[in-house]
Amino acid sequence: MLDNIQFSSVSEFFQMGKYTFHVWSVYGLFALFVFVNLFLPRVQRRQFIREQRQRALRDVQLAQNTAVNEERSRAQGEGE
């Protein structure tokens, strides 16, 4: 496999002949694609978990407020 490499130096490898821009732009786009596909789902998962926690806390607070309001209305109804 190494016998088929046709670059005489490392700098020649990085220059890729006259196709430097095309080859390295494809490598860059591939790296960006892999990074986004690994990073974005993690960010979205954290955001989803954060939203679910906030929703759960809001539901608990709403339930507590509702219970307090019902208790107050009962107390006012008994006082009359």
N, C-alpha and C. Protein backbone atom coordinates (compact mmCIF):
# COMPACT_ATOMS: atom_id res chain seq x y z
N MET A 1 0.82 -1.19 0.00
CA MET A 1 0.00 0.00 0.00
C MET A 1 0.86 1.26 0.00
N LEU A 2 1.91 1.26 0.81
CA LEU A 2 2.77 2.43 0.87
C LEU A 2 3.62 2.59 -0.38
N ASP A 3 3.74 1.54 -1.18
CA ASP A 3 4.52 1.63 -2.41
C ASP A 3 3.82 2.48 -3.47
N ASN A 4 2.52 2.64 -3.35
CA ASN A 4 1.75 3.39 -4.34
C ASN A 4 1.69 4.88 -4.06
N ILE A 5 2.23 5.33 -2.93
CA ILE A 5 2.21 6.77 -2.62
C ILE A 5 3.14 7.48 -3.58
N GLN A 6 2.66 8.55 -4.19
CA GLN A 6 3.42 9.21 -5.24
C GLN A 6 3.88 10.60 -4.84
N PHE A 7 4.09 10.83 -3.55
CA PHE A 7 4.58 12.12 -3.10
C PHE A 7 6.00 11.95 -2.61
N SER A 8 6.88 12.84 -3.04
CA SER A 8 8.28 12.70 -2.65
C SER A 8 8.59 13.40 -1.33
N SER A 9 7.69 14.27 -0.86
CA SER A 9 7.92 14.96 0.42
C SER A 9 6.57 15.26 1.08
N VAL A 10 6.66 15.63 2.33
CA VAL A 10 5.44 15.96 3.08
C VAL A 10 4.82 17.24 2.54
N SER A 11 5.65 18.21 2.19
CA SER A 11 5.10 19.46 1.64
C SER A 11 4.38 19.22 0.32
N GLU A 12 4.89 18.31 -0.48
CA GLU A 12 4.22 17.96 -1.74
C GLU A 12 2.87 17.30 -1.45
N PHE A 13 2.83 16.49 -0.38
CA PHE A 13 1.56 15.87 0.01
C PHE A 13 0.55 16.94 0.40
N PHE A 14 0.97 17.92 1.21
CA PHE A 14 0.04 18.96 1.64
C PHE A 14 -0.39 19.87 0.50
N GLN A 15 0.45 20.02 -0.50
CA GLN A 15 0.10 20.86 -1.64
C GLN A 15 -0.80 20.13 -2.63
N MET A 16 -0.75 18.81 -2.66
CA MET A 16 -1.60 17.98 -3.52
C MET A 16 -1.52 18.37 -4.99
N GLY A 17 -0.36 18.68 -5.43
CA GLY A 17 -0.21 19.05 -6.84
C GLY A 17 -0.96 20.34 -7.13
N LYS A 18 -1.71 20.37 -8.21
CA LYS A 18 -2.46 21.58 -8.54
C LYS A 18 -3.90 21.52 -8.03
N TYR A 19 -4.22 20.52 -7.20
CA TYR A 19 -5.57 20.36 -6.70
C TYR A 19 -5.69 20.70 -5.21
N THR A 20 -4.77 21.49 -4.72
CA THR A 20 -4.71 21.80 -3.28
C THR A 20 -6.03 22.31 -2.75
N PHE A 21 -6.57 23.36 -3.36
CA PHE A 21 -7.79 23.98 -2.85
C PHE A 21 -8.94 22.97 -2.83
N HIS A 22 -9.10 22.23 -3.88
CA HIS A 22 -10.23 21.28 -3.96
C HIS A 22 -10.12 20.17 -2.92
N VAL A 23 -8.94 19.59 -2.81
CA VAL A 23 -8.75 18.47 -1.89
C VAL A 23 -8.94 18.92 -0.44
N TRP A 24 -8.28 20.01 -0.04
CA TRP A 24 -8.35 20.43 1.36
C TRP A 24 -9.70 21.04 1.70
N SER A 25 -10.38 21.64 0.73
CA SER A 25 -11.73 22.14 1.03
C SER A 25 -12.68 20.97 1.27
N VAL A 26 -12.52 19.88 0.56
CA VAL A 26 -13.35 18.70 0.80
C VAL A 26 -13.05 18.11 2.18
N TYR A 27 -11.77 18.02 2.53
CA TYR A 27 -11.42 17.55 3.88
C TYR A 27 -12.02 18.47 4.95
N GLY A 28 -11.94 19.77 4.73
CA GLY A 28 -12.51 20.72 5.69
C GLY A 28 -14.01 20.59 5.82
N LEU A 29 -14.70 20.46 4.69
CA LEU A 29 -16.15 20.29 4.73
C LEU A 29 -16.55 18.99 5.41
N PHE A 30 -15.78 17.94 5.17
CA PHE A 30 -16.05 16.67 5.82
C PHE A 30 -15.87 16.78 7.33
N ALA A 31 -14.79 17.43 7.76
CA ALA A 31 -14.55 17.63 9.20
C ALA A 31 -15.67 18.46 9.82
N LEU A 32 -16.11 19.49 9.13
CA LEU A 32 -17.22 20.32 9.62
C LEU A 32 -18.49 19.49 9.72
N PHE A 33 -18.77 18.68 8.73
CA PHE A 33 -19.95 17.82 8.72
C PHE A 33 -19.93 16.85 9.90
N VAL A 34 -18.81 16.23 10.13
CA VAL A 34 -18.69 15.27 11.24
C VAL A 34 -18.85 16.00 12.57
N PHE A 35 -18.21 17.15 12.72
CA PHE A 35 -18.30 17.92 13.95
C PHE A 35 -19.73 18.32 14.24
N VAL A 36 -20.43 18.85 13.24
CA VAL A 36 -21.81 19.29 13.43
C VAL A 36 -22.70 18.10 13.78
N ASN A 37 -22.50 16.97 13.14
CA ASN A 37 -23.34 15.80 13.40
C ASN A 37 -23.04 15.15 14.75
N LEU A 38 -21.91 15.41 15.33
CA LEU A 38 -21.61 14.91 16.66
C LEU A 38 -21.99 15.93 17.73
N PHE A 39 -21.81 17.21 17.45
CA PHE A 39 -21.99 18.26 18.44
C PHE A 39 -23.45 18.70 18.57
N LEU A 40 -24.13 18.90 17.47
CA LEU A 40 -25.49 19.44 17.48
C LEU A 40 -26.48 18.57 18.25
N PRO A 41 -26.49 17.26 18.08
CA PRO A 41 -27.43 16.45 18.87
C PRO A 41 -27.20 16.57 20.38
N ARG A 42 -25.96 16.72 20.80
CA ARG A 42 -25.68 16.90 22.23
C ARG A 42 -26.26 18.21 22.73
N VAL A 43 -26.10 19.26 21.95
CA VAL A 43 -26.65 20.56 22.34
C VAL A 43 -28.17 20.50 22.40
N GLN A 44 -28.78 19.88 21.40
CA GLN A 44 -30.23 19.76 21.37
C GLN A 44 -30.75 18.92 22.52
N ARG A 45 -30.03 17.86 22.88
CA ARG A 45 -30.43 17.01 24.01
C ARG A 45 -30.39 17.78 25.31
N ARG A 46 -29.32 18.54 25.53
CA ARG A 46 -29.22 19.35 26.75
C ARG A 46 -30.34 20.38 26.81
N GLN A 47 -30.63 21.01 25.68
CA GLN A 47 -31.70 22.00 25.64
C GLN A 47 -33.05 21.34 25.93
N PHE A 48 -33.29 20.16 25.38
CA PHE A 48 -34.54 19.45 25.62
C PHE A 48 -34.69 19.10 27.10
N ILE A 49 -33.62 18.59 27.70
CA ILE A 49 -33.66 18.24 29.12
C ILE A 49 -33.91 19.48 29.97
N ARG A 50 -33.26 20.59 29.64
CA ARG A 50 -33.46 21.84 30.37
C ARG A 50 -34.91 22.31 30.27
N GLU A 51 -35.49 22.23 29.08
CA GLU A 51 -36.89 22.64 28.89
C GLU A 51 -37.84 21.73 29.67
N GLN A 52 -37.55 20.43 29.69
CA GLN A 52 -38.41 19.50 30.43
C GLN A 52 -38.33 19.75 31.93
N ARG A 53 -37.15 20.06 32.43
CA ARG A 53 -37.02 20.40 33.86
C ARG A 53 -37.82 21.65 34.19
N GLN A 54 -37.70 22.68 33.35
CA GLN A 54 -38.43 23.93 33.58
C GLN A 54 -39.94 23.67 33.53
N ARG A 55 -40.38 22.85 32.59
CA ARG A 55 -41.80 22.54 32.48
C ARG A 55 -42.28 21.78 33.72
N ALA A 56 -41.48 20.84 34.22
CA ALA A 56 -41.85 20.08 35.41
C ALA A 56 -41.93 21.00 36.62
N LEU A 57 -40.96 21.90 36.78
CA LEU A 57 -40.99 22.85 37.90
C LEU A 57 -42.21 23.77 37.80
N ARG A 58 -42.51 24.21 36.60
CA ARG A 58 -43.68 25.07 36.39
C ARG A 58 -44.97 24.32 36.74
N ASP A 59 -45.05 23.06 36.37
CA ASP A 59 -46.24 22.25 36.69
C ASP A 59 -46.39 22.08 38.20
N VAL A 60 -45.27 21.85 38.89
CA VAL A 60 -45.32 21.70 40.34
C VAL A 60 -45.77 23.00 40.99
N GLN A 61 -45.21 24.12 40.54
CA GLN A 61 -45.60 25.42 41.09
C GLN A 61 -47.06 25.72 40.81
N LEU A 62 -47.52 25.39 39.63
CA LEU A 62 -48.93 25.61 39.29
C LEU A 62 -49.83 24.77 40.17
N ALA A 63 -49.44 23.52 40.40
CA ALA A 63 -50.23 22.64 41.27
C ALA A 63 -50.25 23.19 42.70
N GLN A 64 -49.12 23.67 43.18
CA GLN A 64 -49.08 24.24 44.52
C GLN A 64 -49.93 25.50 44.61
N ASN A 65 -49.85 26.36 43.61
CA ASN A 65 -50.65 27.59 43.61
C ASN A 65 -52.14 27.27 43.55
N THR A 66 -52.49 26.26 42.76
CA THR A 66 -53.89 25.86 42.65
C THR A 66 -54.40 25.33 43.98
N ALA A 67 -53.59 24.52 44.65
CA ALA A 67 -53.97 23.97 45.96
C ALA A 67 -54.13 25.08 46.98
N VAL A 68 -53.24 26.06 46.98
CA VAL A 68 -53.32 27.18 47.90
C VAL A 68 -54.58 28.00 47.61
N ASN A 69 -54.86 28.26 46.36
CA ASN A 69 -56.04 29.04 46.00
C ASN A 69 -57.33 28.32 46.38
N GLU A 70 -57.37 27.01 46.18
CA GLU A 70 -58.56 26.24 46.57
C GLU A 70 -58.74 26.27 48.08
N GLU A 71 -57.63 26.17 48.80
CA GLU A 71 -57.70 26.20 50.26
C GLU A 71 -58.19 27.57 50.73
N ARG A 72 -57.73 28.63 50.11
CA ARG A 72 -58.18 29.98 50.48
C ARG A 72 -59.67 30.16 50.18
N SER A 73 -60.08 29.66 49.02
CA SER A 73 -61.50 29.84 48.67
C SER A 73 -62.39 29.01 49.61
N ARG A 74 -61.95 27.87 50.06
CA ARG A 74 -62.70 27.08 51.04
C ARG A 74 -62.79 27.80 52.39
N ALA A 75 -61.62 28.38 52.77
CA ALA A 75 -61.59 29.10 54.04
C ALA A 75 -62.50 30.32 53.98
N GLN A 76 -62.54 30.99 52.87
CA GLN A 76 -63.40 32.17 52.73
C GLN A 76 -64.87 31.73 52.69
N GLY A 77 -65.14 30.60 52.07
CA GLY A 77 -66.51 30.08 51.99
C GLY A 77 -67.02 29.67 53.37
N GLU A 78 -66.18 29.14 54.18
CA GLU A 78 -66.56 28.71 55.54
C GLU A 78 -66.72 29.93 56.46
N GLY A 79 -65.95 30.96 56.18
CA GLY A 79 -66.01 32.16 57.01
C GLY A 79 -67.25 32.99 56.80
N GLU A 80 -67.91 32.83 55.72
CA GLU A 80 -69.09 33.65 55.42
C GLU A 80 -70.33 33.16 56.06
